[in-house]
Amino acid sequence: MIATGTSRPVAIMQGLLPEIATPTVEWLLYMIENNVRDATLVGLLTGTGIGFLFDLYFKSINYPAAGLVVAVLIVLVISLELLSTHIQRSLT
């Protein structure tokens, strides 16, 4: 684009940003989904994070609450995946 006479800011805004927008958003959503999964595992192992609630309810034999935590985590991961797919389709 610079070879055709556009300025550097226009070349960045019109040429570079559209090319990196989709992979950047996909990576960001993937990392959020990964962090939710990791926080759950860390909570189970160390007693902090999202998994702490599951561990607390499971060890206190409150299975309905532990099941609810698992269900919320499943819904959260699936919704993040669907959001990622929707954004990926809209950007391409």
N, C-alpha and C. Protein backbone atom coordinates (compact mmCIF):
# COMPACT_ATOMS: atom_id res chain seq x y z
N MET A 1 0.83 -1.18 0.00
CA MET A 1 0.00 0.00 0.00
C MET A 1 0.87 1.25 0.00
N ILE A 2 1.98 1.18 0.68
CA ILE A 2 2.87 2.35 0.69
C ILE A 2 3.44 2.58 -0.70
N ALA A 3 3.68 1.51 -1.46
CA ALA A 3 4.20 1.64 -2.82
C ALA A 3 3.20 2.33 -3.74
N THR A 4 1.91 2.28 -3.42
CA THR A 4 0.91 2.94 -4.26
C THR A 4 0.66 4.38 -3.85
N GLY A 5 1.31 4.85 -2.77
CA GLY A 5 1.21 6.25 -2.41
C GLY A 5 0.46 6.57 -1.14
N THR A 6 0.01 5.58 -0.41
CA THR A 6 -0.70 5.88 0.84
C THR A 6 0.32 6.18 1.95
N SER A 7 -0.14 6.85 2.95
CA SER A 7 0.74 7.14 4.08
C SER A 7 0.85 5.92 4.98
N ARG A 8 1.84 5.94 5.84
CA ARG A 8 2.08 4.80 6.73
C ARG A 8 0.90 4.55 7.68
N PRO A 9 0.30 5.58 8.31
CA PRO A 9 -0.85 5.31 9.19
C PRO A 9 -2.04 4.69 8.45
N VAL A 10 -2.29 5.15 7.24
CA VAL A 10 -3.39 4.58 6.46
C VAL A 10 -3.08 3.13 6.09
N ALA A 11 -1.84 2.86 5.75
CA ALA A 11 -1.45 1.48 5.41
C ALA A 11 -1.62 0.56 6.62
N ILE A 12 -1.31 1.07 7.80
CA ILE A 12 -1.48 0.26 9.01
C ILE A 12 -2.96 0.05 9.30
N MET A 13 -3.76 1.11 9.22
CA MET A 13 -5.19 1.01 9.55
C MET A 13 -5.96 0.17 8.54
N GLN A 14 -5.62 0.29 7.26
CA GLN A 14 -6.38 -0.41 6.23
C GLN A 14 -5.77 -1.74 5.79
N GLY A 15 -4.50 -1.94 6.03
CA GLY A 15 -3.85 -3.15 5.57
C GLY A 15 -3.44 -4.11 6.66
N LEU A 16 -2.82 -3.58 7.71
CA LEU A 16 -2.28 -4.44 8.75
C LEU A 16 -3.33 -4.87 9.78
N LEU A 17 -4.09 -3.93 10.29
CA LEU A 17 -5.06 -4.25 11.34
C LEU A 17 -6.12 -5.26 10.92
N PRO A 18 -6.70 -5.15 9.71
CA PRO A 18 -7.66 -6.20 9.32
C PRO A 18 -7.04 -7.60 9.22
N GLU A 19 -5.75 -7.66 8.92
CA GLU A 19 -5.09 -8.96 8.81
C GLU A 19 -4.83 -9.60 10.17
N ILE A 20 -4.56 -8.79 11.18
CA ILE A 20 -4.22 -9.36 12.49
C ILE A 20 -5.41 -9.39 13.45
N ALA A 21 -6.53 -8.80 13.08
CA ALA A 21 -7.67 -8.73 13.99
C ALA A 21 -8.23 -10.11 14.32
N THR A 22 -8.48 -10.93 13.31
CA THR A 22 -9.08 -12.25 13.54
C THR A 22 -8.17 -13.16 14.37
N PRO A 23 -6.90 -13.33 14.00
CA PRO A 23 -6.06 -14.20 14.85
C PRO A 23 -5.89 -13.68 16.27
N THR A 24 -5.84 -12.37 16.44
CA THR A 24 -5.67 -11.81 17.77
C THR A 24 -6.90 -12.09 18.64
N VAL A 25 -8.09 -11.89 18.09
CA VAL A 25 -9.32 -12.14 18.84
C VAL A 25 -9.46 -13.63 19.14
N GLU A 26 -9.13 -14.48 18.18
CA GLU A 26 -9.20 -15.92 18.41
C GLU A 26 -8.24 -16.34 19.52
N TRP A 27 -7.03 -15.81 19.50
CA TRP A 27 -6.05 -16.13 20.53
C TRP A 27 -6.52 -15.65 21.89
N LEU A 28 -7.08 -14.44 21.94
CA LEU A 28 -7.55 -13.88 23.20
C LEU A 28 -8.66 -14.74 23.81
N LEU A 29 -9.64 -15.13 23.00
CA LEU A 29 -10.73 -15.96 23.51
C LEU A 29 -10.24 -17.35 23.90
N TYR A 30 -9.29 -17.88 23.16
CA TYR A 30 -8.72 -19.18 23.51
C TYR A 30 -8.01 -19.11 24.85
N MET A 31 -7.28 -18.03 25.08
CA MET A 31 -6.56 -17.89 26.35
C MET A 31 -7.53 -17.70 27.51
N ILE A 32 -8.63 -16.99 27.30
CA ILE A 32 -9.64 -16.85 28.36
C ILE A 32 -10.22 -18.21 28.71
N GLU A 33 -10.56 -18.98 27.69
CA GLU A 33 -11.11 -20.33 27.92
C GLU A 33 -10.10 -21.22 28.63
N ASN A 34 -8.85 -21.12 28.21
CA ASN A 34 -7.79 -21.91 28.84
C ASN A 34 -7.59 -21.50 30.29
N ASN A 35 -7.67 -20.21 30.57
CA ASN A 35 -7.49 -19.73 31.94
C ASN A 35 -8.61 -20.19 32.85
N VAL A 36 -9.84 -20.28 32.33
CA VAL A 36 -10.95 -20.80 33.14
C VAL A 36 -10.68 -22.25 33.51
N ARG A 37 -10.23 -23.02 32.55
CA ARG A 37 -9.92 -24.43 32.84
C ARG A 37 -8.76 -24.56 33.81
N ASP A 38 -7.73 -23.75 33.61
CA ASP A 38 -6.57 -23.80 34.51
C ASP A 38 -6.92 -23.35 35.91
N ALA A 39 -7.75 -22.32 36.03
CA ALA A 39 -8.15 -21.84 37.35
C ALA A 39 -8.93 -22.90 38.11
N THR A 40 -9.70 -23.69 37.39
CA THR A 40 -10.44 -24.77 38.02
C THR A 40 -9.48 -25.83 38.56
N LEU A 41 -8.52 -26.21 37.75
CA LEU A 41 -7.55 -27.22 38.17
C LEU A 41 -6.68 -26.72 39.32
N VAL A 42 -6.25 -25.47 39.24
CA VAL A 42 -5.43 -24.91 40.31
C VAL A 42 -6.24 -24.85 41.61
N GLY A 43 -7.51 -24.51 41.50
CA GLY A 43 -8.36 -24.47 42.68
C GLY A 43 -8.51 -25.82 43.34
N LEU A 44 -8.57 -26.86 42.53
CA LEU A 44 -8.68 -28.21 43.09
C LEU A 44 -7.39 -28.62 43.79
N LEU A 45 -6.26 -28.20 43.25
CA LEU A 45 -4.98 -28.63 43.80
C LEU A 45 -4.50 -27.77 44.96
N THR A 46 -4.76 -26.46 44.91
CA THR A 46 -4.17 -25.58 45.92
C THR A 46 -5.18 -24.93 46.85
N GLY A 47 -6.45 -24.98 46.54
CA GLY A 47 -7.45 -24.38 47.42
C GLY A 47 -7.73 -22.92 47.12
N THR A 48 -7.41 -22.47 45.92
CA THR A 48 -7.75 -21.11 45.49
C THR A 48 -8.36 -21.19 44.10
N GLY A 49 -8.90 -20.10 43.63
CA GLY A 49 -9.44 -20.08 42.28
C GLY A 49 -10.85 -20.65 42.21
N ILE A 50 -11.28 -20.92 41.00
CA ILE A 50 -12.64 -21.38 40.77
C ILE A 50 -12.85 -22.77 41.36
N GLY A 51 -11.85 -23.62 41.27
CA GLY A 51 -11.98 -24.98 41.75
C GLY A 51 -12.12 -25.09 43.26
N PHE A 52 -11.81 -24.01 43.97
CA PHE A 52 -11.94 -24.03 45.43
C PHE A 52 -13.38 -24.28 45.83
N LEU A 53 -14.33 -23.65 45.14
CA LEU A 53 -15.75 -23.84 45.47
C LEU A 53 -16.16 -25.29 45.26
N PHE A 54 -15.73 -25.86 44.15
CA PHE A 54 -16.07 -27.26 43.89
C PHE A 54 -15.47 -28.15 44.98
N ASP A 55 -14.21 -27.91 45.30
CA ASP A 55 -13.53 -28.71 46.31
C ASP A 55 -14.20 -28.56 47.68
N LEU A 56 -14.59 -27.35 48.01
CA LEU A 56 -15.26 -27.09 49.28
C LEU A 56 -16.59 -27.83 49.37
N TYR A 57 -17.40 -27.72 48.34
CA TYR A 57 -18.71 -28.38 48.35
C TYR A 57 -18.57 -29.89 48.28
N PHE A 58 -17.60 -30.37 47.50
CA PHE A 58 -17.42 -31.81 47.36
C PHE A 58 -16.95 -32.44 48.67
N LYS A 59 -16.01 -31.79 49.35
CA LYS A 59 -15.50 -32.34 50.60
C LYS A 59 -16.50 -32.23 51.75
N SER A 60 -17.42 -31.27 51.65
CA SER A 60 -18.43 -31.14 52.70
C SER A 60 -19.69 -31.94 52.36
N ILE A 61 -19.59 -32.80 51.35
CA ILE A 61 -20.66 -33.70 50.92
C ILE A 61 -21.93 -32.92 50.53
N ASN A 62 -21.74 -31.79 49.92
CA ASN A 62 -22.84 -31.00 49.38
C ASN A 62 -22.83 -31.19 47.86
N TYR A 63 -23.26 -32.38 47.43
CA TYR A 63 -23.16 -32.75 46.02
C TYR A 63 -24.01 -31.91 45.08
N PRO A 64 -25.21 -31.47 45.48
CA PRO A 64 -25.95 -30.60 44.56
C PRO A 64 -25.22 -29.29 44.25
N ALA A 65 -24.60 -28.69 45.24
CA ALA A 65 -23.84 -27.46 45.01
C ALA A 65 -22.59 -27.73 44.18
N ALA A 66 -21.93 -28.85 44.44
CA ALA A 66 -20.75 -29.21 43.64
C ALA A 66 -21.15 -29.47 42.19
N GLY A 67 -22.28 -30.11 42.00
CA GLY A 67 -22.78 -30.34 40.64
C GLY A 67 -23.13 -29.04 39.94
N LEU A 68 -23.65 -28.09 40.70
CA LEU A 68 -23.97 -26.78 40.12
C LEU A 68 -22.70 -26.06 39.68
N VAL A 69 -21.65 -26.15 40.47
CA VAL A 69 -20.38 -25.54 40.09
C VAL A 69 -19.86 -26.17 38.81
N VAL A 70 -19.92 -27.48 38.70
CA VAL A 70 -19.48 -28.17 37.50
C VAL A 70 -20.33 -27.76 36.31
N ALA A 71 -21.65 -27.68 36.50
CA ALA A 71 -22.54 -27.29 35.41
C ALA A 71 -22.25 -25.86 34.94
N VAL A 72 -22.00 -24.96 35.87
CA VAL A 72 -21.68 -23.57 35.50
C VAL A 72 -20.37 -23.51 34.74
N LEU A 73 -19.38 -24.28 35.16
CA LEU A 73 -18.10 -24.31 34.44
C LEU A 73 -18.26 -24.86 33.03
N ILE A 74 -19.07 -25.90 32.89
CA ILE A 74 -19.32 -26.47 31.56
C ILE A 74 -20.01 -25.46 30.67
N VAL A 75 -21.04 -24.80 31.21
CA VAL A 75 -21.76 -23.78 30.42
C VAL A 75 -20.83 -22.63 30.06
N LEU A 76 -19.96 -22.23 30.98
CA LEU A 76 -19.03 -21.14 30.71
C LEU A 76 -18.05 -21.50 29.60
N VAL A 77 -17.48 -22.68 29.64
CA VAL A 77 -16.53 -23.10 28.61
C VAL A 77 -17.22 -23.24 27.26
N ILE A 78 -18.41 -23.83 27.24
CA ILE A 78 -19.13 -23.99 25.97
C ILE A 78 -19.54 -22.64 25.41
N SER A 79 -20.00 -21.72 26.26
CA SER A 79 -20.40 -20.41 25.76
C SER A 79 -19.20 -19.62 25.23
N LEU A 80 -18.05 -19.75 25.88
CA LEU A 80 -16.84 -19.10 25.36
C LEU A 80 -16.45 -19.68 24.00
N GLU A 81 -16.59 -20.98 23.85
CA GLU A 81 -16.28 -21.61 22.57
C GLU A 81 -17.24 -21.15 21.48
N LEU A 82 -18.54 -21.09 21.81
CA LEU A 82 -19.51 -20.61 20.83
C LEU A 82 -19.30 -19.14 20.48
N LEU A 83 -18.96 -18.33 21.48
CA LEU A 83 -18.66 -16.93 21.22
C LEU A 83 -17.44 -16.79 20.32
N SER A 84 -16.43 -17.59 20.57
CA SER A 84 -15.23 -17.57 19.75
C SER A 84 -15.55 -17.94 18.30
N THR A 85 -16.36 -18.97 18.12
CA THR A 85 -16.75 -19.38 16.77
C THR A 85 -17.57 -18.31 16.08
N HIS A 86 -18.48 -17.68 16.80
CA HIS A 86 -19.32 -16.62 16.22
C HIS A 86 -18.48 -15.41 15.81
N ILE A 87 -17.55 -15.02 16.66
CA ILE A 87 -16.70 -13.87 16.34
C ILE A 87 -15.78 -14.21 15.16
N GLN A 88 -15.28 -15.43 15.14
CA GLN A 88 -14.41 -15.85 14.03
C GLN A 88 -15.17 -15.81 12.70
N ARG A 89 -16.41 -16.26 12.69
CA ARG A 89 -17.21 -16.23 11.46
C ARG A 89 -17.56 -14.80 11.05
N SER A 90 -17.81 -13.93 12.02
CA SER A 90 -18.17 -12.56 11.67
C SER A 90 -16.98 -11.75 11.19
N LEU A 91 -15.76 -12.10 11.65
CA LEU A 91 -14.59 -11.36 11.21
C LEU A 91 -14.07 -11.81 9.86
N THR A 92 -14.37 -13.05 9.47
CA THR A 92 -13.87 -13.53 8.18
C THR A 92 -14.88 -13.33 7.08
